PDB file of N, CA and C in Angstrom:
ATOM      1  N   UNK A   1       1.062  -1.060   0.065  1.00  0.00           N
ATOM      2  CA  UNK A   1      -0.100  -0.014  -0.045  1.00  0.00           C
ATOM      3  C   UNK A   1       0.794   1.585  -0.062  1.00  0.00           C
ATOM      4  N   UNK A   2       0.702   2.662  -0.812  1.00  0.00           N
ATOM      5  CA  UNK A   2       1.211   3.336  -0.577  1.00  0.00           C
ATOM      6  C   UNK A   2       0.170   4.433   0.124  1.00  0.00           C
ATOM      7  N   UNK A   3       1.301   5.848   0.463  1.00  0.00           N
ATOM      8  CA  UNK A   3       0.561   6.774   1.586  1.00  0.00           C
ATOM      9  C   UNK A   3      -0.879   7.745   0.289  1.00  0.00           C
ATOM     10  N   UNK A   4      -0.812   7.402  -0.902  1.00  0.00           N
ATOM     11  CA  UNK A   4      -1.669   7.976  -2.067  1.00  0.00           C
ATOM     12  C   UNK A   4      -3.041   7.129  -1.582  1.00  0.00           C
ATOM     13  N   UNK A   5      -2.846   6.197  -1.048  1.00  0.00           N
ATOM     14  CA  UNK A   5      -4.178   4.930  -1.054  1.00  0.00           C
ATOM     15  C   UNK A   5      -4.801   5.227   0.220  1.00  0.00           C
ATOM     16  N   UNK A   6      -4.139   6.092   0.634  1.00  0.00           N
ATOM     17  CA  UNK A   6      -4.656   6.036   2.292  1.00  0.00           C
ATOM     18  C   UNK A   6      -6.324   7.108   2.616  1.00  0.00           C
ATOM     19  N   UNK A   7      -6.900   7.656   3.060  1.00  0.00           N
ATOM     20  CA  UNK A   7      -7.940   8.444   3.555  1.00  0.00           C
ATOM     21  C   UNK A   7      -7.841   9.248   4.837  1.00  0.00           C
ATOM     22  N   UNK A   8      -8.380  10.453   4.438  1.00  0.00           N
ATOM     23  CA  UNK A   8      -8.345  11.615   5.171  1.00  0.00           C
ATOM     24  C   UNK A   8      -8.437  11.072   7.147  1.00  0.00           C
ATOM     25  N   UNK A   9      -7.160  11.035   8.026  1.00  0.00           N
ATOM     26  CA  UNK A   9      -7.661  10.483   9.457  1.00  0.00           C
ATOM     27  C   UNK A   9      -7.027   9.089   9.605  1.00  0.00           C
ATOM     28  N   UNK A  10      -6.553   8.593   8.362  1.00  0.00           N
ATOM     29  CA  UNK A  10      -5.862   7.212   8.395  1.00  0.00           C
ATOM     30  C   UNK A  10      -4.236   7.601   9.052  1.00  0.00           C
ATOM     31  N   UNK A  11      -3.765   6.741   9.765  1.00  0.00           N
ATOM     32  CA  UNK A  11      -2.770   6.458  10.256  1.00  0.00           C
ATOM     33  C   UNK A  11      -2.102   5.390   9.789  1.00  0.00           C
ATOM     34  N   UNK A  12      -0.410   5.520   9.378  1.00  0.00           N
ATOM     35  CA  UNK A  12       0.645   4.725   8.957  1.00  0.00           C
ATOM     36  C   UNK A  12       1.727   4.756   8.879  1.00  0.00           C
ATOM     37  N   UNK A  13       2.456   3.897   8.574  1.00  0.00           N
ATOM     38  CA  UNK A  13       3.990   3.492   9.589  1.00  0.00           C
ATOM     39  C   UNK A  13       4.758   3.355   8.056  1.00  0.00           C
ATOM     40  N   UNK A  14       5.541   3.782   8.144  1.00  0.00           N
ATOM     41  CA  UNK A  14       6.485   4.466   6.732  1.00  0.00           C
ATOM     42  C   UNK A  14       7.393   3.205   6.328  1.00  0.00           C
ATOM     43  N   UNK A  15       7.041   2.341   5.581  1.00  0.00           N
ATOM     44  CA  UNK A  15       8.112   1.017   5.292  1.00  0.00           C
ATOM     45  C   UNK A  15       9.246   1.495   4.541  1.00  0.00           C
ATOM     46  N   UNK A  16       8.653   2.030   2.923  1.00  0.00           N
ATOM     47  CA  UNK A  16       9.928   1.923   2.330  1.00  0.00           C
ATOM     48  C   UNK A  16       9.535   2.995   1.430  1.00  0.00           C
ATOM     49  N   UNK A  17      10.622   4.113   0.877  1.00  0.00           N
ATOM     50  CA  UNK A  17      10.040   5.211  -0.046  1.00  0.00           C
ATOM     51  C   UNK A  17      11.266   4.612  -0.843  1.00  0.00           C
ATOM     52  N   UNK A  18      10.233   4.567  -2.196  1.00  0.00           N
ATOM     53  CA  UNK A  18      10.877   4.302  -3.730  1.00  0.00           C
ATOM     54  C   UNK A  18      10.858   4.900  -4.576  1.00  0.00           C
ATOM     55  N   UNK A  19      12.452   6.236  -4.569  1.00  0.00           N
ATOM     56  CA  UNK A  19      12.314   7.376  -4.767  1.00  0.00           C
ATOM     57  C   UNK A  19      13.613   7.221  -5.445  1.00  0.00           C
ATOM     58  N   UNK A  20      14.136   8.425  -6.032  1.00  0.00           N
ATOM     59  CA  UNK A  20      15.627   8.696  -6.807  1.00  0.00           C
ATOM     60  C   UNK A  20      16.036   9.364  -5.539  1.00  0.00           C
ATOM     61  N   UNK A  21      17.602   9.521  -5.462  1.00  0.00           N
ATOM     62  CA  UNK A  21      18.234   9.967  -4.242  1.00  0.00           C
ATOM     63  C   UNK A  21      17.825  11.278  -3.966  1.00  0.00           C
ATOM     64  N   UNK A  22      17.671  12.228  -4.819  1.00  0.00           N
ATOM     65  CA  UNK A  22      17.166  13.492  -4.754  1.00  0.00           C
ATOM     66  C   UNK A  22      15.779  13.707  -3.795  1.00  0.00           C
ATOM     67  N   UNK A  23      14.798  12.852  -4.630  1.00  0.00           N
ATOM     68  CA  UNK A  23      13.862  13.404  -3.519  1.00  0.00           C
ATOM     69  C   UNK A  23      13.239  12.756  -2.637  1.00  0.00           C
ATOM     70  N   UNK A  24      14.426  11.572  -2.600  1.00  0.00           N
ATOM     71  CA  UNK A  24      14.418  10.550  -0.844  1.00  0.00           C
ATOM     72  C   UNK A  24      15.187  11.959   0.097  1.00  0.00           C
ATOM     73  N   UNK A  25      16.201  12.637  -0.549  1.00  0.00           N
ATOM     74  CA  UNK A  25      16.644  13.342   0.477  1.00  0.00           C
ATOM     75  C   UNK A  25      15.755  14.301   0.721  1.00  0.00           C
ATOM     76  N   UNK A  26      15.206  14.651  -0.158  1.00  0.00           N
ATOM     77  CA  UNK A  26      14.003  16.341   0.162  1.00  0.00           C
ATOM     78  C   UNK A  26      12.763  15.526   0.948  1.00  0.00           C
ATOM     79  N   UNK A  27      12.444  14.228   1.027  1.00  0.00           N
ATOM     80  CA  UNK A  27      11.647  13.947   2.226  1.00  0.00           C
ATOM     81  C   UNK A  27      12.144  14.147   3.459  1.00  0.00           C
ATOM     82  N   UNK A  28      13.161  13.089   3.596  1.00  0.00           N
ATOM     83  CA  UNK A  28      14.247  12.922   4.350  1.00  0.00           C
ATOM     84  C   UNK A  28      14.170  14.594   5.482  1.00  0.00           C
ATOM     85  N   UNK A  29      14.286  15.517   4.505  1.00  0.00           N
ATOM     86  CA  UNK A  29      14.651  17.025   5.190  1.00  0.00           C
ATOM     87  C   UNK A  29      13.569  17.342   5.562  1.00  0.00           C
ATOM     88  N   UNK A  30      12.002  16.844   5.242  1.00  0.00           N
ATOM     89  CA  UNK A  30      11.198  16.646   6.172  1.00  0.00           C
ATOM     90  C   UNK A  30      10.519  16.184   7.101  1.00  0.00           C
ATOM     91  N   UNK A  31      11.349  15.096   7.415  1.00  0.00           N
ATOM     92  CA  UNK A  31      11.010  14.364   8.781  1.00  0.00           C
ATOM     93  C   UNK A  31      10.428  12.743   7.377  1.00  0.00           C
ATOM     94  N   UNK A  32       9.866  12.429   6.601  1.00  0.00           N
ATOM     95  CA  UNK A  32       9.281  11.800   5.922  1.00  0.00           C
ATOM     96  C   UNK A  32      10.526  10.334   5.463  1.00  0.00           C
ATOM     97  N   UNK A  33      10.718   9.542   6.832  1.00  0.00           N
ATOM     98  CA  UNK A  33      11.376   8.390   6.358  1.00  0.00           C
ATOM     99  C   UNK A  33      11.279   7.030   7.068  1.00  0.00           C
ATOM    100  N   UNK A  34      11.969   5.652   7.088  1.00  0.00           N
ATOM    101  CA  UNK A  34      11.233   4.525   7.627  1.00  0.00           C
ATOM    102  C   UNK A  34      11.058   4.562   8.760  1.00  0.00           C
ATOM    103  N   UNK A  35      10.168   4.072   9.317  1.00  0.00           N
ATOM    104  CA  UNK A  35       9.964   3.603  10.671  1.00  0.00           C
ATOM    105  C   UNK A  35       9.543   4.880  11.178  1.00  0.00           C
ATOM    106  N   UNK A  36       8.992   6.093  10.498  1.00  0.00           N
ATOM    107  CA  UNK A  36       8.066   7.503  11.161  1.00  0.00           C
ATOM    108  C   UNK A  36       6.600   7.143  11.025  1.00  0.00           C
ATOM    109  N   UNK A  37       5.960   7.753  11.764  1.00  0.00           N
ATOM    110  CA  UNK A  37       4.433   7.304  11.613  1.00  0.00           C
ATOM    111  C   UNK A  37       3.865   8.862  10.714  1.00  0.00           C
ATOM    112  N   UNK A  38       2.729   8.094   9.819  1.00  0.00           N
ATOM    113  CA  UNK A  38       2.573   9.503   9.025  1.00  0.00           C
ATOM    114  C   UNK A  38       0.759   9.864   9.369  1.00  0.00           C
ATOM    115  N   UNK A  39      -0.144  10.539   9.026  1.00  0.00           N
ATOM    116  CA  UNK A  39      -1.497  10.770   9.363  1.00  0.00           C
ATOM    117  C   UNK A  39      -1.928  11.560   7.926  1.00  0.00           C
ATOM    118  N   UNK A  40      -2.980  11.208   7.517  1.00  0.00           N
ATOM    119  CA  UNK A  40      -3.483  11.772   6.450  1.00  0.00           C
ATOM    120  C   UNK A  40      -4.640  13.102   6.872  1.00  0.00           C
ATOM    121  N   UNK A  41      -3.850  14.464   6.685  1.00  0.00           N
ATOM    122  CA  UNK A  41      -4.925  15.261   7.054  1.00  0.00           C
ATOM    123  C   UNK A  41      -5.858  15.621   6.153  1.00  0.00           C
ATOM    124  N   UNK A  42      -5.626  15.917   4.992  1.00  0.00           N
ATOM    125  CA  UNK A  42      -6.250  16.102   3.659  1.00  0.00           C
ATOM    126  C   UNK A  42      -5.709  16.312   2.722  1.00  0.00           C
ATOM    127  N   UNK A  43      -6.662  16.194   1.651  1.00  0.00           N
ATOM    128  CA  UNK A  43      -6.932  15.834  -0.019  1.00  0.00           C
ATOM    129  C   UNK A  43      -7.314  16.862  -0.546  1.00  0.00           C
ATOM    130  N   UNK A  44      -6.389  17.191  -2.015  1.00  0.00           N
ATOM    131  CA  UNK A  44      -7.563  18.129  -2.760  1.00  0.00           C
ATOM    132  C   UNK A  44      -8.370  17.419  -3.324  1.00  0.00           C
ATOM    133  N   UNK A  45      -9.293  17.901  -4.391  1.00  0.00           N
ATOM    134  CA  UNK A  45     -10.044  17.384  -5.275  1.00  0.00           C
ATOM    135  C   UNK A  45      -9.305  16.734  -6.616  1.00  0.00           C
ATOM    136  N   UNK A  46      -9.934  15.423  -6.583  1.00  0.00           N
ATOM    137  CA  UNK A  46      -9.192  14.136  -7.439  1.00  0.00           C
ATOM    138  C   UNK A  46      -8.008  13.910  -6.707  1.00  0.00           C
ATOM    139  N   UNK A  47      -8.010  14.005  -5.430  1.00  0.00           N
ATOM    140  CA  UNK A  47      -6.671  13.824  -4.976  1.00  0.00           C
ATOM    141  C   UNK A  47      -5.363  13.924  -5.613  1.00  0.00           C
ATOM    142  N   UNK A  48      -5.095  15.481  -6.062  1.00  0.00           N
ATOM    143  CA  UNK A  48      -3.748  15.540  -6.492  1.00  0.00           C
ATOM    144  C   UNK A  48      -2.709  15.952  -5.695  1.00  0.00           C
ATOM    145  N   UNK A  49      -3.300  16.673  -4.416  1.00  0.00           N
ATOM    146  CA  UNK A  49      -2.568  16.851  -3.608  1.00  0.00           C
ATOM    147  C   UNK A  49      -2.883  16.424  -2.372  1.00  0.00           C
ATOM    148  N   UNK A  50      -1.613  15.649  -1.684  1.00  0.00           N
ATOM    149  CA  UNK A  50      -2.152  14.903  -0.031  1.00  0.00           C
ATOM    150  C   UNK A  50      -1.458  15.789   1.160  1.00  0.00           C
ATOM    151  N   UNK A  51      -2.376  16.208   2.212  1.00  0.00           N
ATOM    152  CA  UNK A  51      -1.429  16.769   2.968  1.00  0.00           C
ATOM    153  C   UNK A  51      -1.185  16.086   4.039  1.00  0.00           C
ATOM    154  N   UNK A  52      -0.493  15.437   5.019  1.00  0.00           N
ATOM    155  CA  UNK A  52       0.221  14.823   5.510  1.00  0.00           C
ATOM    156  C   UNK A  52       0.927  15.212   6.894  1.00  0.00           C
ATOM    157  N   UNK A  53       0.737  14.804   7.712  1.00  0.00           N
ATOM    158  CA  UNK A  53       1.791  15.152   9.459  1.00  0.00           C
ATOM    159  C   UNK A  53       2.511  13.981   9.805  1.00  0.00           C
ATOM    160  N   UNK A  54       3.785  14.256   9.730  1.00  0.00           N
ATOM    161  CA  UNK A  54       4.846  13.695  10.180  1.00  0.00           C
ATOM    162  C   UNK A  54       5.336  13.940  11.793  1.00  0.00           C
ATOM    163  N   UNK A  55       5.298  13.489  12.658  1.00  0.00           N
ATOM    164  CA  UNK A  55       5.568  14.733  13.988  1.00  0.00           C
ATOM    165  C   UNK A  55       4.839  15.101  13.843  1.00  0.00           C
ATOM    166  N   UNK A  56       5.212  16.459  14.559  1.00  0.00           N
ATOM    167  CA  UNK A  56       4.483  18.118  14.428  1.00  0.00           C
ATOM    168  C   UNK A  56       4.698  18.778  13.230  1.00  0.00           C
ATOM    169  N   UNK A  57       4.588  17.745  11.654  1.00  0.00           N
ATOM    170  CA  UNK A  57       5.137  19.065  10.811  1.00  0.00           C
ATOM    171  C   UNK A  57       4.373  18.209   9.381  1.00  0.00           C
ATOM    172  N   UNK A  58       3.599  19.518   8.875  1.00  0.00           N
ATOM    173  CA  UNK A  58       2.377  19.216   8.266  1.00  0.00           C
ATOM    174  C   UNK A  58       3.244  19.383   6.623  1.00  0.00           C
ATOM    175  N   UNK A  59       2.904  18.085   5.869  1.00  0.00           N
ATOM    176  CA  UNK A  59       3.560  18.299   4.765  1.00  0.00           C
ATOM    177  C   UNK A  59       2.164  18.218   3.694  1.00  0.00           C
ATOM    178  N   UNK A  60       2.543  19.107   2.501  1.00  0.00           N
ATOM    179  CA  UNK A  60       1.546  18.502   1.256  1.00  0.00           C
ATOM    180  C   UNK A  60       2.702  17.925  -0.343  1.00  0.00           C
ATOM    181  N   UNK A  61       2.183  16.898  -0.338  1.00  0.00           N
ATOM    182  CA  UNK A  61       2.259  16.278  -1.572  1.00  0.00           C
ATOM    183  C   UNK A  61       1.656  16.317  -2.729  1.00  0.00           C
ATOM    184  N   UNK A  62       2.619  16.204  -3.983  1.00  0.00           N
ATOM    185  CA  UNK A  62       1.786  15.700  -5.044  1.00  0.00           C
ATOM    186  C   UNK A  62       1.625  14.510  -4.697  1.00  0.00           C
ATOM    187  N   UNK A  63       0.224  13.970  -5.703  1.00  0.00           N
ATOM    188  CA  UNK A  63       0.388  12.183  -5.531  1.00  0.00           C
ATOM    189  C   UNK A  63       1.399  11.437  -6.169  1.00  0.00           C
ATOM    190  N   UNK A  64       1.989  12.085  -7.203  1.00  0.00           N
ATOM    191  CA  UNK A  64       3.045  10.949  -7.493  1.00  0.00           C
ATOM    192  C   UNK A  64       4.190  10.726  -6.809  1.00  0.00           C
ATOM    193  N   UNK A  65       4.158  11.975  -6.104  1.00  0.00           N
ATOM    194  CA  UNK A  65       5.447  11.661  -4.850  1.00  0.00           C
ATOM    195  C   UNK A  65       5.317  10.694  -3.707  1.00  0.00           C
ATOM    196  N   UNK A  66       3.243  11.078  -3.105  1.00  0.00           N
ATOM    197  CA  UNK A  66       3.087  10.223  -2.037  1.00  0.00           C
ATOM    198  C   UNK A  66       2.737   8.779  -2.430  1.00  0.00           C
ATOM    199  N   UNK A  67       2.589   8.224  -3.683  1.00  0.00           N
ATOM    200  CA  UNK A  67       2.743   7.355  -4.764  1.00  0.00           C
ATOM    201  C   UNK A  67       4.563   6.119  -4.196  1.00  0.00           C
ATOM    202  N   UNK A  68       5.028   7.048  -3.938  1.00  0.00           N
ATOM    203  CA  UNK A  68       6.252   6.500  -4.036  1.00  0.00           C
ATOM    204  C   UNK A  68       6.614   6.303  -1.911  1.00  0.00           C
ATOM    205  N   UNK A  69       5.852   6.314  -1.492  1.00  0.00           N
ATOM    206  CA  UNK A  69       5.977   6.299  -0.475  1.00  0.00           C
ATOM    207  C   UNK A  69       5.692   4.993   0.196  1.00  0.00           C
ATOM    208  N   UNK A  70       6.141   4.031   0.498  1.00  0.00           N
ATOM    209  CA  UNK A  70       5.344   2.545   1.006  1.00  0.00           C
ATOM    210  C   UNK A  70       4.877   2.557   2.351  1.00  0.00           C
ATOM    211  N   UNK A  71       3.697   1.971   2.790  1.00  0.00           N
ATOM    212  CA  UNK A  71       3.513   2.465   4.153  1.00  0.00           C
ATOM    213  C   UNK A  71       2.150   1.111   4.687  1.00  0.00           C
ATOM    214  N   UNK A  72       2.083   1.096   6.286  1.00  0.00           N
ATOM    215  CA  UNK A  72       1.395  -0.563   6.535  1.00  0.00           C
ATOM    216  C   UNK A  72       0.443   0.839   7.144  1.00  0.00           C
ATOM    217  N   UNK A  73      -0.953   0.134   7.158  1.00  0.00           N
ATOM    218  CA  UNK A  73      -1.532   1.264   7.564  1.00  0.00           C
ATOM    219  C   UNK A  73      -1.848   0.743   9.115  1.00  0.00           C
ATOM    220  N   UNK A  74      -1.778   1.701  10.316  1.00  0.00           N
ATOM    221  CA  UNK A  74      -2.106   1.358  11.565  1.00  0.00           C
ATOM    222  C   UNK A  74      -3.753   1.440  12.030  1.00  0.00           C
TER     223      UNK A  74
END
């Protein structure tokens, strides 16, 4: 399952990030890394942008970025 498949209010544990080094480093700078917990806070229409919370940080991701974050629903 990936982060784009979650619905508003869902919580999940990040298992793996399937991205190139540049994107992986950018996500890591926001606290998005393996073993971290995320919560889906909201989505735009057609789910093109997904707002997630990791720790106390809110981050808006594009759908294609969220699809690269492999998660396990909690």
